[in-house]
PDB file of N, CA and C in Angstrom:
ATOM      1  N   MET A   1     -32.093 225.183 -55.773  1.00  0.00           N
ATOM      2  CA  MET A   1     -32.422 224.041 -56.588  1.00  0.00           C
ATOM      3  C   MET A   1     -31.312 223.775 -57.593  1.00  0.00           C
ATOM      4  N   ALA A   2     -30.438 222.883 -57.282  1.00  0.00           N
ATOM      5  CA  ALA A   2     -29.359 222.567 -58.197  1.00  0.00           C
ATOM      6  C   ALA A   2     -29.814 221.482 -59.157  1.00  0.00           C
ATOM      7  N   GLY A   3     -29.416 221.609 -60.378  1.00  0.00           N
ATOM      8  CA  GLY A   3     -29.773 220.618 -61.382  1.00  0.00           C
ATOM      9  C   GLY A   3     -28.847 220.759 -62.565  1.00  0.00           C
ATOM     10  N   LYS A   4     -29.097 219.929 -63.545  1.00  0.00           N
ATOM     11  CA  LYS A   4     -28.288 219.990 -64.756  1.00  0.00           C
ATOM     12  C   LYS A   4     -28.542 221.305 -65.471  1.00  0.00           C
ATOM     13  N   ALA A   5     -27.472 221.954 -65.870  1.00  0.00           N
ATOM     14  CA  ALA A   5     -27.597 223.227 -66.581  1.00  0.00           C
ATOM     15  C   ALA A   5     -28.228 222.994 -67.944  1.00  0.00           C
ATOM     16  N   LYS A   6     -29.090 223.899 -68.335  1.00  0.00           N
ATOM     17  CA  LYS A   6     -29.752 223.827 -69.633  1.00  0.00           C
ATOM     18  C   LYS A   6     -28.736 224.116 -70.726  1.00  0.00           C
ATOM     19  N   ASP A   7     -28.821 223.345 -71.816  1.00  0.00           N
ATOM     20  CA  ASP A   7     -27.940 223.574 -72.960  1.00  0.00           C
ATOM     21  C   ASP A   7     -28.243 224.944 -73.534  1.00  0.00           C
ATOM     22  N   ASP A   8     -27.244 225.806 -73.584  1.00  0.00           N
ATOM     23  CA  ASP A   8     -27.464 227.148 -74.127  1.00  0.00           C
ATOM     24  C   ASP A   8     -26.935 227.287 -75.547  1.00  0.00           C
ATOM     25  N   GLY A   9     -26.434 226.204 -76.122  1.00  0.00           N
ATOM     26  CA  GLY A   9     -25.958 226.232 -77.497  1.00  0.00           C
ATOM     27  C   GLY A   9     -24.573 226.806 -77.665  1.00  0.00           C
ATOM     28  N   GLY A  10     -23.948 227.249 -76.601  1.00  0.00           N
ATOM     29  CA  GLY A  10     -22.632 227.871 -76.710  1.00  0.00           C
ATOM     30  C   GLY A  10     -22.758 229.320 -77.141  1.00  0.00           C
ATOM     31  N   PRO A  11     -21.644 229.975 -77.404  1.00  0.00           N
ATOM     32  CA  PRO A  11     -21.688 231.386 -77.782  1.00  0.00           C
ATOM     33  C   PRO A  11     -22.312 231.595 -79.158  1.00  0.00           C
ATOM     34  N   ALA A  12     -23.143 232.626 -79.265  1.00  0.00           N
ATOM     35  CA  ALA A  12     -23.779 232.943 -80.540  1.00  0.00           C
ATOM     36  C   ALA A  12     -22.776 233.537 -81.516  1.00  0.00           C
ATOM     37  N   PHE A  13     -21.881 234.330 -81.009  1.00  0.00           N
ATOM     38  CA  PHE A  13     -20.877 234.993 -81.834  1.00  0.00           C
ATOM     39  C   PHE A  13     -19.521 234.796 -81.167  1.00  0.00           C
ATOM     40  N   PRO A  14     -18.938 233.593 -81.310  1.00  0.00           N
ATOM     41  CA  PRO A  14     -17.702 233.288 -80.585  1.00  0.00           C
ATOM     42  C   PRO A  14     -16.543 234.199 -80.990  1.00  0.00           C
ATOM     43  N   THR A  15     -15.685 234.433 -80.026  1.00  0.00           N
ATOM     44  CA  THR A  15     -14.488 235.232 -80.254  1.00  0.00           C
ATOM     45  C   THR A  15     -13.284 234.469 -79.731  1.00  0.00           C
ATOM     46  N   ASP A  16     -12.110 234.937 -80.036  1.00  0.00           N
ATOM     47  CA  ASP A  16     -10.887 234.325 -79.531  1.00  0.00           C
ATOM     48  C   ASP A  16     -10.509 234.863 -78.150  1.00  0.00           C
ATOM     49  N   ASN A  17     -11.271 235.807 -77.638  1.00  0.00           N
ATOM     50  CA  ASN A  17     -10.945 236.439 -76.357  1.00  0.00           C
ATOM     51  C   ASN A  17     -11.568 235.659 -75.205  1.00  0.00           C
ATOM     52  N   THR A  18     -11.137 234.416 -75.007  1.00  0.00           N
ATOM     53  CA  THR A  18     -11.682 233.605 -73.916  1.00  0.00           C
ATOM     54  C   THR A  18     -10.883 233.764 -72.633  1.00  0.00           C
ATOM     55  N   SER A  19      -9.791 234.521 -72.649  1.00  0.00           N
ATOM     56  CA  SER A  19      -8.982 234.701 -71.448  1.00  0.00           C
ATOM     57  C   SER A  19      -9.755 235.419 -70.355  1.00  0.00           C
ATOM     58  N   THR A  20     -10.763 236.208 -70.740  1.00  0.00           N
ATOM     59  CA  THR A  20     -11.569 236.922 -69.751  1.00  0.00           C
ATOM     60  C   THR A  20     -12.713 236.064 -69.232  1.00  0.00           C
ATOM     61  N   GLY A  21     -12.978 234.928 -69.879  1.00  0.00           N
ATOM     62  CA  GLY A  21     -14.099 234.087 -69.485  1.00  0.00           C
ATOM     63  C   GLY A  21     -15.415 234.550 -70.081  1.00  0.00           C
ATOM     64  N   TYR A  22     -15.397 235.636 -70.816  1.00  0.00           N
ATOM     65  CA  TYR A  22     -16.616 236.164 -71.431  1.00  0.00           C
ATOM     66  C   TYR A  22     -16.599 235.828 -72.909  1.00  0.00           C
ATOM     67  N   CYS A  23     -17.614 235.124 -73.358  1.00  0.00           N
ATOM     68  CA  CYS A  23     -17.685 234.726 -74.770  1.00  0.00           C
ATOM     69  C   CYS A  23     -18.889 235.333 -75.458  1.00  0.00           C
ATOM     70  N   GLY A  24     -19.542 236.296 -74.868  1.00  0.00           N
ATOM     71  CA  GLY A  24     -20.717 236.914 -75.480  1.00  0.00           C
ATOM     72  C   GLY A  24     -21.995 236.188 -75.114  1.00  0.00           C
ATOM     73  N   MET A  25     -23.069 236.555 -75.781  1.00  0.00           N
ATOM     74  CA  MET A  25     -24.361 235.946 -75.478  1.00  0.00           C
ATOM     75  C   MET A  25     -24.409 234.518 -75.994  1.00  0.00           C
ATOM     76  N   SER A  26     -25.251 233.722 -75.333  1.00  0.00           N
ATOM     77  CA  SER A  26     -25.396 232.337 -75.760  1.00  0.00           C
ATOM     78  C   SER A  26     -26.290 232.262 -76.990  1.00  0.00           C
ATOM     79  N   LEU A  27     -26.163 231.160 -77.691  1.00  0.00           N
ATOM     80  CA  LEU A  27     -27.012 230.940 -78.849  1.00  0.00           C
ATOM     81  C   LEU A  27     -28.474 230.868 -78.417  1.00  0.00           C
ATOM     82  N   ARG A  28     -28.737 230.292 -77.232  1.00  0.00           N
ATOM     83  CA  ARG A  28     -30.107 230.227 -76.714  1.00  0.00           C
ATOM     84  C   ARG A  28     -30.687 231.629 -76.536  1.00  0.00           C
ATOM     85  N   ASP A  29     -29.912 232.525 -75.957  1.00  0.00           N
ATOM     86  CA  ASP A  29     -30.388 233.894 -75.769  1.00  0.00           C
ATOM     87  C   ASP A  29     -30.598 234.603 -77.106  1.00  0.00           C
ATOM     88  N   TRP A  30     -29.732 234.334 -78.072  1.00  0.00           N
ATOM     89  CA  TRP A  30     -29.888 234.962 -79.382  1.00  0.00           C
ATOM     90  C   TRP A  30     -31.154 234.453 -80.066  1.00  0.00           C
ATOM     91  N   PHE A  31     -31.376 233.128 -79.989  1.00  0.00           N
ATOM     92  CA  PHE A  31     -32.607 232.565 -80.552  1.00  0.00           C
ATOM     93  C   PHE A  31     -33.835 233.179 -79.875  1.00  0.00           C
ATOM     94  N   ALA A  32     -33.807 233.304 -78.550  1.00  0.00           N
ATOM     95  CA  ALA A  32     -34.940 233.886 -77.819  1.00  0.00           C
ATOM     96  C   ALA A  32     -35.158 235.333 -78.238  1.00  0.00           C
ATOM     97  N   GLY A  33     -34.088 236.070 -78.433  1.00  0.00           N
ATOM     98  CA  GLY A  33     -34.207 237.457 -78.876  1.00  0.00           C
ATOM     99  C   GLY A  33     -34.818 237.564 -80.266  1.00  0.00           C
ATOM    100  N   GLN A  34     -34.466 236.623 -81.134  1.00  0.00           N
ATOM    101  CA  GLN A  34     -35.053 236.619 -82.467  1.00  0.00           C
ATOM    102  C   GLN A  34     -36.553 236.331 -82.394  1.00  0.00           C
ATOM    103  N   ALA A  35     -36.946 235.417 -81.522  1.00  0.00           N
ATOM    104  CA  ALA A  35     -38.368 235.115 -81.343  1.00  0.00           C
ATOM    105  C   ALA A  35     -39.087 236.321 -80.743  1.00  0.00           C
ATOM    106  N   LEU A  36     -38.432 237.012 -79.834  1.00  0.00           N
ATOM    107  CA  LEU A  36     -39.021 238.171 -79.178  1.00  0.00           C
ATOM    108  C   LEU A  36     -39.377 239.264 -80.176  1.00  0.00           C
ATOM    109  N   ALA A  37     -38.563 239.409 -81.193  1.00  0.00           N
ATOM    110  CA  ALA A  37     -38.822 240.450 -82.187  1.00  0.00           C
ATOM    111  C   ALA A  37     -40.217 240.318 -82.788  1.00  0.00           C
ATOM    112  N   ASP A  38     -40.681 239.094 -82.987  1.00  0.00           N
ATOM    113  CA  ASP A  38     -42.020 238.882 -83.537  1.00  0.00           C
ATOM    114  C   ASP A  38     -43.114 238.912 -82.471  1.00  0.00           C
ATOM    115  N   CYS A  39     -42.736 238.720 -81.215  1.00  0.00           N
ATOM    116  CA  CYS A  39     -43.739 238.638 -80.146  1.00  0.00           C
ATOM    117  C   CYS A  39     -44.060 239.988 -79.512  1.00  0.00           C
ATOM    118  N   VAL A  40     -43.254 240.987 -79.754  1.00  0.00           N
ATOM    119  CA  VAL A  40     -43.470 242.295 -79.125  1.00  0.00           C
ATOM    120  C   VAL A  40     -44.835 242.865 -79.484  1.00  0.00           C
ATOM    121  N   ALA A  41     -45.290 242.623 -80.689  1.00  0.00           N
ATOM    122  CA  ALA A  41     -46.610 243.132 -81.104  1.00  0.00           C
ATOM    123  C   ALA A  41     -47.707 242.583 -80.198  1.00  0.00           C
ATOM    124  N   MET A  42     -47.599 241.323 -79.795  1.00  0.00           N
ATOM    125  CA  MET A  42     -48.606 240.743 -78.889  1.00  0.00           C
ATOM    126  C   MET A  42     -48.600 241.463 -77.546  1.00  0.00           C
ATOM    127  N   LEU A  43     -47.407 241.819 -77.073  1.00  0.00           N
ATOM    128  CA  LEU A  43     -47.284 242.538 -75.813  1.00  0.00           C
ATOM    129  C   LEU A  43     -47.888 243.930 -75.933  1.00  0.00           C
ATOM    130  N   LEU A  44     -47.545 244.622 -76.998  1.00  0.00           N
ATOM    131  CA  LEU A  44     -48.024 245.992 -77.181  1.00  0.00           C
ATOM    132  C   LEU A  44     -49.533 246.044 -77.403  1.00  0.00           C
ATOM    133  N   ASP A  45     -50.082 245.002 -78.022  1.00  0.00           N
ATOM    134  CA  ASP A  45     -51.525 244.951 -78.252  1.00  0.00           C
ATOM    135  C   ASP A  45     -52.294 244.418 -77.046  1.00  0.00           C
ATOM    136  N   GLY A  46     -51.572 244.043 -75.986  1.00  0.00           N
ATOM    137  CA  GLY A  46     -52.218 243.585 -74.765  1.00  0.00           C
ATOM    138  C   GLY A  46     -52.685 242.140 -74.794  1.00  0.00           C
ATOM    139  N   TYR A  47     -52.235 241.363 -75.786  1.00  0.00           N
ATOM    140  CA  TYR A  47     -52.656 239.966 -75.864  1.00  0.00           C
ATOM    141  C   TYR A  47     -52.014 239.106 -74.787  1.00  0.00           C
ATOM    142  N   GLN A  48     -50.795 239.427 -74.417  1.00  0.00           N
ATOM    143  CA  GLN A  48     -50.057 238.655 -73.421  1.00  0.00           C
ATOM    144  C   GLN A  48     -49.269 239.611 -72.533  1.00  0.00           C
ATOM    145  N   ASP A  49     -48.910 239.113 -71.347  1.00  0.00           N
ATOM    146  CA  ASP A  49     -48.058 239.915 -70.468  1.00  0.00           C
ATOM    147  C   ASP A  49     -46.596 239.595 -70.762  1.00  0.00           C
ATOM    148  N   ALA A  50     -45.710 240.443 -70.306  1.00  0.00           N
ATOM    149  CA  ALA A  50     -44.285 240.330 -70.618  1.00  0.00           C
ATOM    150  C   ALA A  50     -43.688 239.008 -70.134  1.00  0.00           C
ATOM    151  N   ALA A  51     -44.055 238.562 -68.940  1.00  0.00           N
ATOM    152  CA  ALA A  51     -43.489 237.316 -68.408  1.00  0.00           C
ATOM    153  C   ALA A  51     -43.890 236.115 -69.265  1.00  0.00           C
ATOM    154  N   THR A  52     -45.116 236.091 -69.732  1.00  0.00           N
ATOM    155  CA  THR A  52     -45.583 234.988 -70.584  1.00  0.00           C
ATOM    156  C   THR A  52     -44.832 234.985 -71.902  1.00  0.00           C
ATOM    157  N   ILE A  53     -44.646 236.157 -72.487  1.00  0.00           N
ATOM    158  CA  ILE A  53     -43.937 236.256 -73.755  1.00  0.00           C
ATOM    159  C   ILE A  53     -42.474 235.864 -73.588  1.00  0.00           C
ATOM    160  N   ALA A  54     -41.838 236.316 -72.522  1.00  0.00           N
ATOM    161  CA  ALA A  54     -40.436 235.960 -72.280  1.00  0.00           C
ATOM    162  C   ALA A  54     -40.283 234.450 -72.124  1.00  0.00           C
ATOM    163  N   SER A  55     -41.192 233.827 -71.396  1.00  0.00           N
ATOM    164  CA  SER A  55     -41.152 232.379 -71.222  1.00  0.00           C
ATOM    165  C   SER A  55     -41.349 231.663 -72.550  1.00  0.00           C
ATOM    166  N   ALA A  56     -42.289 232.133 -73.347  1.00  0.00           N
ATOM    167  CA  ALA A  56     -42.553 231.517 -74.645  1.00  0.00           C
ATOM    168  C   ALA A  56     -41.339 231.651 -75.567  1.00  0.00           C
ATOM    169  N   CYS A  57     -40.665 232.776 -75.524  1.00  0.00           N
ATOM    170  CA  CYS A  57     -39.480 232.979 -76.367  1.00  0.00           C
ATOM    171  C   CYS A  57     -38.376 231.998 -76.000  1.00  0.00           C
ATOM    172  N   HIS A  58     -38.185 231.758 -74.692  1.00  0.00           N
ATOM    173  CA  HIS A  58     -37.160 230.801 -74.286  1.00  0.00           C
ATOM    174  C   HIS A  58     -37.583 229.375 -74.614  1.00  0.00           C
ATOM    175  N   GLU A  59     -38.875 229.073 -74.566  1.00  0.00           N
ATOM    176  CA  GLU A  59     -39.347 227.752 -74.990  1.00  0.00           C
ATOM    177  C   GLU A  59     -39.051 227.544 -76.471  1.00  0.00           C
ATOM    178  N   LEU A  60     -39.293 228.571 -77.275  1.00  0.00           N
ATOM    179  CA  LEU A  60     -38.976 228.485 -78.699  1.00  0.00           C
ATOM    180  C   LEU A  60     -37.476 228.296 -78.908  1.00  0.00           C
ATOM    181  N   ALA A  61     -36.669 229.019 -78.152  1.00  0.00           N
ATOM    182  CA  ALA A  61     -35.213 228.880 -78.259  1.00  0.00           C
ATOM    183  C   ALA A  61     -34.785 227.460 -77.907  1.00  0.00           C
ATOM    184  N   ASP A  62     -35.369 226.888 -76.850  1.00  0.00           N
ATOM    185  CA  ASP A  62     -35.040 225.516 -76.464  1.00  0.00           C
ATOM    186  C   ASP A  62     -35.426 224.533 -77.568  1.00  0.00           C
ATOM    187  N   ALA A  63     -36.577 224.758 -78.200  1.00  0.00           N
ATOM    188  CA  ALA A  63     -37.013 223.890 -79.296  1.00  0.00           C
ATOM    189  C   ALA A  63     -36.063 224.007 -80.489  1.00  0.00           C
ATOM    190  N   MET A  64     -35.593 225.220 -80.767  1.00  0.00           N
ATOM    191  CA  MET A  64     -34.653 225.410 -81.873  1.00  0.00           C
ATOM    192  C   MET A  64     -33.338 224.704 -81.587  1.00  0.00           C
ATOM    193  N   LEU A  65     -32.859 224.779 -80.339  1.00  0.00           N
ATOM    194  CA  LEU A  65     -31.618 224.099 -79.976  1.00  0.00           C
ATOM    195  C   LEU A  65     -31.793 222.586 -80.067  1.00  0.00           C
ATOM    196  N   ALA A  66     -32.945 222.067 -79.653  1.00  0.00           N
ATOM    197  CA  ALA A  66     -33.194 220.627 -79.724  1.00  0.00           C
ATOM    198  C   ALA A  66     -33.211 220.156 -81.178  1.00  0.00           C
ATOM    199  N   GLU A  67     -33.850 220.927 -82.043  1.00  0.00           N
ATOM    200  CA  GLU A  67     -33.890 220.569 -83.460  1.00  0.00           C
ATOM    201  C   GLU A  67     -32.498 220.638 -84.071  1.00  0.00           C
ATOM    202  N   ARG A  68     -31.749 221.638 -83.686  1.00  0.00           N
ATOM    203  CA  ARG A  68     -30.380 221.807 -84.175  1.00  0.00           C
ATOM    204  C   ARG A  68     -29.523 220.623 -83.767  1.00  0.00           C
ATOM    205  N   ALA A  69     -29.717 220.128 -82.538  1.00  0.00           N
ATOM    206  CA  ALA A  69     -28.949 218.983 -82.040  1.00  0.00           C
ATOM    207  C   ALA A  69     -29.301 217.722 -82.818  1.00  0.00           C
ATOM    208  N   LYS A  70     -30.574 217.560 -83.179  1.00  0.00           N
ATOM    209  CA  LYS A  70     -30.992 216.384 -83.961  1.00  0.00           C
ATOM    210  C   LYS A  70     -30.351 216.417 -85.339  1.00  0.00           C
ATOM    211  N   GLU A  71     -30.278 217.572 -85.945  1.00  0.00           N
ATOM    212  CA  GLU A  71     -29.706 217.700 -87.288  1.00  0.00           C
ATOM    213  C   GLU A  71     -28.193 217.482 -87.287  1.00  0.00           C
ATOM    214  N   ALA A  72     -27.564 217.729 -86.144  1.00  0.00           N
ATOM    215  CA  ALA A  72     -26.113 217.594 -86.053  1.00  0.00           C
ATOM    216  C   ALA A  72     -25.688 216.129 -85.951  1.00  0.00           C
ATOM    217  N   LYS A  73     -26.622 215.249 -85.644  1.00  0.00           N
ATOM    218  CA  LYS A  73     -26.284 213.824 -85.467  1.00  0.00           C
ATOM    219  C   LYS A  73     -26.192 213.103 -86.781  1.00  0.00           C
TER     220      LYS A  73
END
């Protein structure tokens, strides 16, 4: 299924070492990881399964990137 790539916000912690093609984690992944930190308790308490929490964290990251894009205009 080919489609438009999701905006990942670019590198979270950019470096000058782009000759290797590796720029570190994306801002989207960093945002999702920050959301995950608060969601782990739900997983450990059995409120949600891991796949649901992971999906929710990326939805939150996408919402943060969308809001960030609106503020940049």
